[in-house]
């Protein structure tokens, strides 16, 4: 279950980075999911770290009002 969530989040981040659509993000998430599954628990940790890095980077760059 956790791997599916991380795969979806990684796909969303990759699609936003490339300016792609939801379908493209879903495809990239599906591909990332396959790679993460083969890496085992380490893949889930690495995928989660990638998403966390992107989210924190966005928060830092967001202007404060």
PDB file of N, CA and C in Angstrom:
ATOM      1  N   UNK A   1       0.826  -1.184   0.000  1.00  0.00           N
ATOM      2  CA  UNK A   1       0.000   0.000   0.000  1.00  0.00           C
ATOM      3  C   UNK A   1       0.872   1.250   0.000  1.00  0.00           C
ATOM      4  N   UNK A   2       1.876   1.268   0.842  1.00  0.00           N
ATOM      5  CA  UNK A   2       2.746   2.439   0.947  1.00  0.00           C
ATOM      6  C   UNK A   2       3.509   2.660  -0.356  1.00  0.00           C
ATOM      7  N   UNK A   3       3.920   1.588  -1.007  1.00  0.00           N
ATOM      8  CA  UNK A   3       4.651   1.722  -2.260  1.00  0.00           C
ATOM      9  C   UNK A   3       3.776   2.334  -3.348  1.00  0.00           C
ATOM     10  N   UNK A   4       2.504   2.022  -3.348  1.00  0.00           N
ATOM     11  CA  UNK A   4       1.595   2.612  -4.340  1.00  0.00           C
ATOM     12  C   UNK A   4       1.446   4.110  -4.122  1.00  0.00           C
ATOM     13  N   UNK A   5       1.355   4.509  -2.874  1.00  0.00           N
ATOM     14  CA  UNK A   5       1.220   5.931  -2.557  1.00  0.00           C
ATOM     15  C   UNK A   5       2.491   6.676  -2.954  1.00  0.00           C
ATOM     16  N   UNK A   6       3.645   6.127  -2.611  1.00  0.00           N
ATOM     17  CA  UNK A   6       4.910   6.769  -2.958  1.00  0.00           C
ATOM     18  C   UNK A   6       5.073   6.810  -4.473  1.00  0.00           C
ATOM     19  N   UNK A   7       4.709   5.748  -5.164  1.00  0.00           N
ATOM     20  CA  UNK A   7       4.780   5.726  -6.630  1.00  0.00           C
ATOM     21  C   UNK A   7       3.902   6.799  -7.258  1.00  0.00           C
ATOM     22  N   UNK A   8       2.708   6.991  -6.719  1.00  0.00           N
ATOM     23  CA  UNK A   8       1.815   8.027  -7.231  1.00  0.00           C
ATOM     24  C   UNK A   8       2.378   9.418  -6.976  1.00  0.00           C
ATOM     25  N   UNK A   9       2.941   9.640  -5.804  1.00  0.00           N
ATOM     26  CA  UNK A   9       3.513  10.947  -5.483  1.00  0.00           C
ATOM     27  C   UNK A   9       4.743  11.244  -6.342  1.00  0.00           C
ATOM     28  N   UNK A  10       5.573  10.240  -6.567  1.00  0.00           N
ATOM     29  CA  UNK A  10       6.741  10.419  -7.426  1.00  0.00           C
ATOM     30  C   UNK A  10       6.289  10.747  -8.845  1.00  0.00           C
ATOM     31  N   UNK A  11       5.284  10.058  -9.345  1.00  0.00           N
ATOM     32  CA  UNK A  11       4.758  10.339 -10.679  1.00  0.00           C
ATOM     33  C   UNK A  11       4.214  11.747 -10.794  1.00  0.00           C
ATOM     34  N   UNK A  12       3.523  12.215  -9.762  1.00  0.00           N
ATOM     35  CA  UNK A  12       2.990  13.575  -9.772  1.00  0.00           C
ATOM     36  C   UNK A  12       4.116  14.600  -9.802  1.00  0.00           C
ATOM     37  N   UNK A  13       5.135  14.380  -8.984  1.00  0.00           N
ATOM     38  CA  UNK A  13       6.262  15.306  -8.956  1.00  0.00           C
ATOM     39  C   UNK A  13       6.992  15.335 -10.295  1.00  0.00           C
ATOM     40  N   UNK A  14       7.167  14.175 -10.903  1.00  0.00           N
ATOM     41  CA  UNK A  14       7.841  14.113 -12.189  1.00  0.00           C
ATOM     42  C   UNK A  14       7.017  14.802 -13.268  1.00  0.00           C
ATOM     43  N   UNK A  15       5.713  14.649 -13.239  1.00  0.00           N
ATOM     44  CA  UNK A  15       4.849  15.290 -14.227  1.00  0.00           C
ATOM     45  C   UNK A  15       4.867  16.800 -14.060  1.00  0.00           C
ATOM     46  N   UNK A  16       4.849  17.287 -12.830  1.00  0.00           N
ATOM     47  CA  UNK A  16       4.903  18.728 -12.597  1.00  0.00           C
ATOM     48  C   UNK A  16       6.236  19.301 -13.048  1.00  0.00           C
ATOM     49  N   UNK A  17       7.282  18.557 -12.863  1.00  0.00           N
ATOM     50  CA  UNK A  17       8.612  19.013 -13.263  1.00  0.00           C
ATOM     51  C   UNK A  17       8.706  19.161 -14.772  1.00  0.00           C
ATOM     52  N   UNK A  18       8.081  18.241 -15.503  1.00  0.00           N
ATOM     53  CA  UNK A  18       8.122  18.269 -16.954  1.00  0.00           C
ATOM     54  C   UNK A  18       6.974  19.072 -17.559  1.00  0.00           C
ATOM     55  N   UNK A  19       6.030  19.503 -16.734  1.00  0.00           N
ATOM     56  CA  UNK A  19       4.886  20.238 -17.258  1.00  0.00           C
ATOM     57  C   UNK A  19       3.907  19.333 -17.984  1.00  0.00           C
ATOM     58  N   UNK A  20       3.863  18.083 -17.581  1.00  0.00           N
ATOM     59  CA  UNK A  20       3.017  17.107 -18.246  1.00  0.00           C
ATOM     60  C   UNK A  20       1.610  17.072 -17.695  1.00  0.00           C
ATOM     61  N   UNK A  21       0.832  16.182 -18.247  1.00  0.00           N
ATOM     62  CA  UNK A  21      -0.563  16.050 -17.845  1.00  0.00           C
ATOM     63  C   UNK A  21      -0.711  14.967 -16.779  1.00  0.00           C
ATOM     64  N   UNK A  22      -1.932  14.754 -16.354  1.00  0.00           N
ATOM     65  CA  UNK A  22      -2.211  13.731 -15.365  1.00  0.00           C
ATOM     66  C   UNK A  22      -1.939  12.332 -15.889  1.00  0.00           C
ATOM     67  N   UNK A  23      -2.200  12.123 -17.176  1.00  0.00           N
ATOM     68  CA  UNK A  23      -1.955  10.811 -17.779  1.00  0.00           C
ATOM     69  C   UNK A  23      -0.459  10.530 -17.825  1.00  0.00           C
ATOM     70  N   UNK A  24       0.314  11.534 -18.186  1.00  0.00           N
ATOM     71  CA  UNK A  24       1.773  11.360 -18.220  1.00  0.00           C
ATOM     72  C   UNK A  24       2.331  11.088 -16.840  1.00  0.00           C
ATOM     73  N   UNK A  25       1.792  11.785 -15.844  1.00  0.00           N
ATOM     74  CA  UNK A  25       2.232  11.554 -14.471  1.00  0.00           C
ATOM     75  C   UNK A  25       1.869  10.164 -13.992  1.00  0.00           C
ATOM     76  N   UNK A  26       0.696   9.701 -14.391  1.00  0.00           N
ATOM     77  CA  UNK A  26       0.280   8.348 -14.013  1.00  0.00           C
ATOM     78  C   UNK A  26       1.198   7.312 -14.638  1.00  0.00           C
ATOM     79  N   UNK A  27       1.571   7.528 -15.889  1.00  0.00           N
ATOM     80  CA  UNK A  27       2.477   6.595 -16.558  1.00  0.00           C
ATOM     81  C   UNK A  27       3.855   6.602 -15.901  1.00  0.00           C
ATOM     82  N   UNK A  28       4.344   7.795 -15.575  1.00  0.00           N
ATOM     83  CA  UNK A  28       5.647   7.872 -14.910  1.00  0.00           C
ATOM     84  C   UNK A  28       5.580   7.278 -13.508  1.00  0.00           C
ATOM     85  N   UNK A  29       4.471   7.480 -12.824  1.00  0.00           N
ATOM     86  CA  UNK A  29       4.296   6.881 -11.504  1.00  0.00           C
ATOM     87  C   UNK A  29       4.257   5.371 -11.566  1.00  0.00           C
ATOM     88  N   UNK A  30       3.611   4.847 -12.611  1.00  0.00           N
ATOM     89  CA  UNK A  30       3.541   3.402 -12.800  1.00  0.00           C
ATOM     90  C   UNK A  30       4.938   2.839 -13.058  1.00  0.00           C
ATOM     91  N   UNK A  31       5.716   3.546 -13.884  1.00  0.00           N
ATOM     92  CA  UNK A  31       7.085   3.105 -14.164  1.00  0.00           C
ATOM     93  C   UNK A  31       7.948   3.203 -12.899  1.00  0.00           C
ATOM     94  N   UNK A  32       7.789   4.302 -12.164  1.00  0.00           N
ATOM     95  CA  UNK A  32       8.550   4.466 -10.926  1.00  0.00           C
ATOM     96  C   UNK A  32       8.167   3.389  -9.924  1.00  0.00           C
ATOM     97  N   UNK A  33       6.900   3.035  -9.909  1.00  0.00           N
ATOM     98  CA  UNK A  33       6.431   1.992  -9.006  1.00  0.00           C
ATOM     99  C   UNK A  33       7.130   0.664  -9.296  1.00  0.00           C
ATOM    100  N   UNK A  34       7.300   0.349 -10.570  1.00  0.00           N
ATOM    101  CA  UNK A  34       7.988  -0.886 -10.943  1.00  0.00           C
ATOM    102  C   UNK A  34       9.434  -0.886 -10.471  1.00  0.00           C
ATOM    103  N   UNK A  35      10.095   0.249 -10.629  1.00  0.00           N
ATOM    104  CA  UNK A  35      11.488   0.352 -10.188  1.00  0.00           C
ATOM    105  C   UNK A  35      11.572   0.273  -8.664  1.00  0.00           C
ATOM    106  N   UNK A  36      10.678   0.995  -7.987  1.00  0.00           N
ATOM    107  CA  UNK A  36      10.688   0.988  -6.524  1.00  0.00           C
ATOM    108  C   UNK A  36      10.391  -0.402  -5.972  1.00  0.00           C
ATOM    109  N   UNK A  37       9.508  -1.128  -6.625  1.00  0.00           N
ATOM    110  CA  UNK A  37       9.155  -2.471  -6.159  1.00  0.00           C
ATOM    111  C   UNK A  37      10.355  -3.400  -6.249  1.00  0.00           C
ATOM    112  N   UNK A  38      11.136  -3.259  -7.306  1.00  0.00           N
ATOM    113  CA  UNK A  38      12.296  -4.132  -7.473  1.00  0.00           C
ATOM    114  C   UNK A  38      13.413  -3.802  -6.477  1.00  0.00           C
ATOM    115  N   UNK A  39      13.427  -2.576  -5.995  1.00  0.00           N
ATOM    116  CA  UNK A  39      14.457  -2.175  -5.034  1.00  0.00           C
ATOM    117  C   UNK A  39      14.096  -2.573  -3.605  1.00  0.00           C
ATOM    118  N   UNK A  40      12.850  -2.962  -3.375  1.00  0.00           N
ATOM    119  CA  UNK A  40      12.433  -3.380  -2.043  1.00  0.00           C
ATOM    120  C   UNK A  40      12.188  -2.192  -1.126  1.00  0.00           C
ATOM    121  N   UNK A  41      12.385  -2.382   0.161  1.00  0.00           N
ATOM    122  CA  UNK A  41      12.142  -1.290   1.117  1.00  0.00           C
ATOM    123  C   UNK A  41      13.017  -0.065   0.866  1.00  0.00           C
ATOM    124  N   UNK A  42      14.221  -0.277   0.361  1.00  0.00           N
ATOM    125  CA  UNK A  42      15.102   0.846   0.059  1.00  0.00           C
ATOM    126  C   UNK A  42      14.485   1.745  -1.011  1.00  0.00           C
ATOM    127  N   UNK A  43      13.814   1.163  -1.981  1.00  0.00           N
ATOM    128  CA  UNK A  43      13.156   1.948  -3.027  1.00  0.00           C
ATOM    129  C   UNK A  43      12.050   2.829  -2.475  1.00  0.00           C
ATOM    130  N   UNK A  44      11.301   2.299  -1.517  1.00  0.00           N
ATOM    131  CA  UNK A  44      10.239   3.093  -0.897  1.00  0.00           C
ATOM    132  C   UNK A  44      10.833   4.272  -0.139  1.00  0.00           C
ATOM    133  N   UNK A  45      11.914   4.035   0.559  1.00  0.00           N
ATOM    134  CA  UNK A  45      12.577   5.107   1.312  1.00  0.00           C
ATOM    135  C   UNK A  45      13.132   6.161   0.353  1.00  0.00           C
ATOM    136  N   UNK A  46      13.783   5.732  -0.709  1.00  0.00           N
ATOM    137  CA  UNK A  46      14.345   6.678  -1.675  1.00  0.00           C
ATOM    138  C   UNK A  46      13.246   7.477  -2.379  1.00  0.00           C
ATOM    139  N   UNK A  47      12.161   6.824  -2.748  1.00  0.00           N
ATOM    140  CA  UNK A  47      11.045   7.525  -3.380  1.00  0.00           C
ATOM    141  C   UNK A  47      10.418   8.539  -2.438  1.00  0.00           C
ATOM    142  N   UNK A  48      10.232   8.158  -1.193  1.00  0.00           N
ATOM    143  CA  UNK A  48       9.682   9.078  -0.197  1.00  0.00           C
ATOM    144  C   UNK A  48      10.606  10.254   0.053  1.00  0.00           C
ATOM    145  N   UNK A  49      11.905  10.017   0.050  1.00  0.00           N
ATOM    146  CA  UNK A  49      12.872  11.097   0.242  1.00  0.00           C
ATOM    147  C   UNK A  49      12.838  12.066  -0.933  1.00  0.00           C
ATOM    148  N   UNK A  50      12.675  11.547  -2.144  1.00  0.00           N
ATOM    149  CA  UNK A  50      12.582  12.398  -3.327  1.00  0.00           C
ATOM    150  C   UNK A  50      11.367  13.319  -3.247  1.00  0.00           C
ATOM    151  N   UNK A  51      10.236  12.752  -2.877  1.00  0.00           N
ATOM    152  CA  UNK A  51       9.012  13.551  -2.755  1.00  0.00           C
ATOM    153  C   UNK A  51       9.156  14.586  -1.646  1.00  0.00           C
ATOM    154  N   UNK A  52       9.711  14.191  -0.518  1.00  0.00           N
ATOM    155  CA  UNK A  52       9.889  15.130   0.598  1.00  0.00           C
ATOM    156  C   UNK A  52      10.810  16.276   0.207  1.00  0.00           C
ATOM    157  N   UNK A  53      11.864  15.980  -0.533  1.00  0.00           N
ATOM    158  CA  UNK A  53      12.786  17.018  -0.985  1.00  0.00           C
ATOM    159  C   UNK A  53      12.077  18.019  -1.878  1.00  0.00           C
ATOM    160  N   UNK A  54      11.256  17.534  -2.787  1.00  0.00           N
ATOM    161  CA  UNK A  54      10.529  18.420  -3.696  1.00  0.00           C
ATOM    162  C   UNK A  54       9.513  19.277  -2.953  1.00  0.00           C
ATOM    163  N   UNK A  55       8.813  18.692  -2.010  1.00  0.00           N
ATOM    164  CA  UNK A  55       7.804  19.439  -1.245  1.00  0.00           C
ATOM    165  C   UNK A  55       8.477  20.513  -0.399  1.00  0.00           C
ATOM    166  N   UNK A  56       9.561  20.178   0.269  1.00  0.00           N
ATOM    167  CA  UNK A  56      10.269  21.164   1.089  1.00  0.00           C
ATOM    168  C   UNK A  56      10.867  22.279   0.235  1.00  0.00           C
ATOM    169  N   UNK A  57      11.359  21.934  -0.936  1.00  0.00           N
ATOM    170  CA  UNK A  57      11.893  22.945  -1.842  1.00  0.00           C
ATOM    171  C   UNK A  57      10.824  23.926  -2.289  1.00  0.00           C
ATOM    172  N   UNK A  58       9.624  23.428  -2.546  1.00  0.00           N
ATOM    173  CA  UNK A  58       8.516  24.304  -2.928  1.00  0.00           C
ATOM    174  C   UNK A  58       8.115  25.217  -1.783  1.00  0.00           C
ATOM    175  N   UNK A  59       8.125  24.676  -0.581  1.00  0.00           N
ATOM    176  CA  UNK A  59       7.754  25.499   0.588  1.00  0.00           C
ATOM    177  C   UNK A  59       8.762  26.608   0.822  1.00  0.00           C
ATOM    178  N   UNK A  60      10.026  26.329   0.613  1.00  0.00           N
ATOM    179  CA  UNK A  60      11.059  27.346   0.811  1.00  0.00           C
ATOM    180  C   UNK A  60      10.970  28.454  -0.220  1.00  0.00           C
ATOM    181  N   UNK A  61      10.609  28.113  -1.448  1.00  0.00           N
ATOM    182  CA  UNK A  61      10.538  29.092  -2.534  1.00  0.00           C
ATOM    183  C   UNK A  61       9.214  29.846  -2.565  1.00  0.00           C
ATOM    184  N   UNK A  62       8.269  29.430  -1.761  1.00  0.00           N
ATOM    185  CA  UNK A  62       6.956  30.085  -1.758  1.00  0.00           C
ATOM    186  C   UNK A  62       7.050  31.433  -1.049  1.00  0.00           C
ATOM    187  N   UNK A  63       6.613  32.505  -1.710  1.00  0.00           N
ATOM    188  CA  UNK A  63       6.689  33.821  -1.053  1.00  0.00           C
ATOM    189  C   UNK A  63       5.709  33.927   0.122  1.00  0.00           C
ATOM    190  N   UNK A  64       6.157  34.567   1.163  1.00  0.00           N
ATOM    191  CA  UNK A  64       5.313  34.753   2.341  1.00  0.00           C
ATOM    192  C   UNK A  64       4.599  36.087   2.250  1.00  0.00           C
ATOM    193  N   UNK A  65       3.378  36.104   2.682  1.00  0.00           N
ATOM    194  CA  UNK A  65       2.577  37.327   2.593  1.00  0.00           C
ATOM    195  C   UNK A  65       2.524  37.993   3.953  1.00  0.00           C
TER     196      UNK A  65
END
